[in-house]
Protein backbone atom coordinates (compact mmCIF):
# COMPACT_ATOMS: atom_id res chain seq x y z
CA UNK A 1 0.00 0.00 0.00
CA UNK A 2 1.14 3.49 -0.73
CA UNK A 3 0.78 6.43 1.63
CA UNK A 4 -2.39 7.67 -0.10
CA UNK A 5 -4.20 4.32 0.09
CA UNK A 6 -6.55 3.72 2.98
CA UNK A 7 -7.47 0.44 4.51
CA UNK A 8 -11.13 -0.53 3.82
CA UNK A 9 -11.85 -0.53 7.54
CA UNK A 10 -10.63 3.09 7.79
CA UNK A 11 -12.92 4.02 4.90
CA UNK A 12 -15.94 2.46 6.66
CA UNK A 13 -15.06 4.23 9.90
CA UNK A 14 -14.79 7.57 8.10
CA UNK A 15 -18.15 7.01 6.41
CA UNK A 16 -19.85 6.06 9.68
CA UNK A 17 -18.38 9.13 11.39
CA UNK A 18 -19.70 11.32 8.59
CA UNK A 19 -23.17 9.78 8.90
CA UNK A 20 -23.13 10.33 12.67
CA UNK A 21 -22.17 13.96 12.08
CA UNK A 22 -25.04 14.39 9.63
CA UNK A 23 -27.52 12.86 12.08
CA UNK A 24 -26.30 15.08 14.92
CA UNK A 25 -26.42 18.19 12.73
CA UNK A 26 -29.96 17.26 11.68
CA UNK A 27 -30.98 16.93 15.32
CA UNK A 28 -29.54 20.37 16.10
CA UNK A 29 -31.44 21.86 13.15
CA UNK A 30 -34.71 20.27 14.31
CA UNK A 31 -34.28 21.52 17.88
CA UNK A 32 -33.45 25.01 16.61
CA UNK A 33 -36.46 25.02 14.27
CA UNK A 34 -38.82 23.93 17.05
CA UNK A 35 -37.42 26.62 19.34
CA UNK A 36 -37.88 29.33 16.71
CA UNK A 37 -41.38 28.10 15.90
CA UNK A 38 -42.40 28.18 19.56
CA UNK A 39 -41.00 31.67 20.07
CA UNK A 40 -42.62 33.15 16.94
CA UNK A 41 -45.95 31.39 17.30
CA UNK A 42 -47.75 34.65 18.08
CA UNK A 43 -48.39 33.96 21.76
CA UNK A 44 -45.97 36.63 22.90
CA UNK A 45 -48.42 37.86 25.56
CA UNK A 46 -48.19 34.46 27.28
CA UNK A 47 -44.40 34.41 27.19
CA UNK A 48 -43.34 36.39 30.26
CA UNK A 49 -40.08 36.44 32.14
CA UNK A 50 -39.78 36.18 35.89
CA UNK A 51 -39.12 39.77 36.99
CA UNK A 52 -40.20 39.67 40.68
CA UNK A 53 -43.38 41.70 40.11
CA UNK A 54 -46.79 40.72 41.42
CA UNK A 55 -49.18 40.44 38.48
CA UNK A 56 -52.97 40.43 38.89
CA UNK A 57 -53.49 37.78 36.20
CA UNK A 58 -51.52 35.28 38.31
CA UNK A 59 -53.44 35.85 41.55
CA UNK A 60 -55.84 33.14 42.69
CA UNK A 61 -59.43 34.37 42.64
CA UNK A 62 -61.26 33.83 45.92
């Protein structure tokens, strides 16, 4: 074998690593898309941060 030749097992390992990278990148894209979709759904009035302020809409009616 010359220096440029790869063993078939090394070729399979490289291909499986590439496929794993593609699957992981796809998962990251799906999680990012779901996050963006949830944030831009139009329910911005329901999305409130915790800012230590008493809000009447969260009080329990008696």
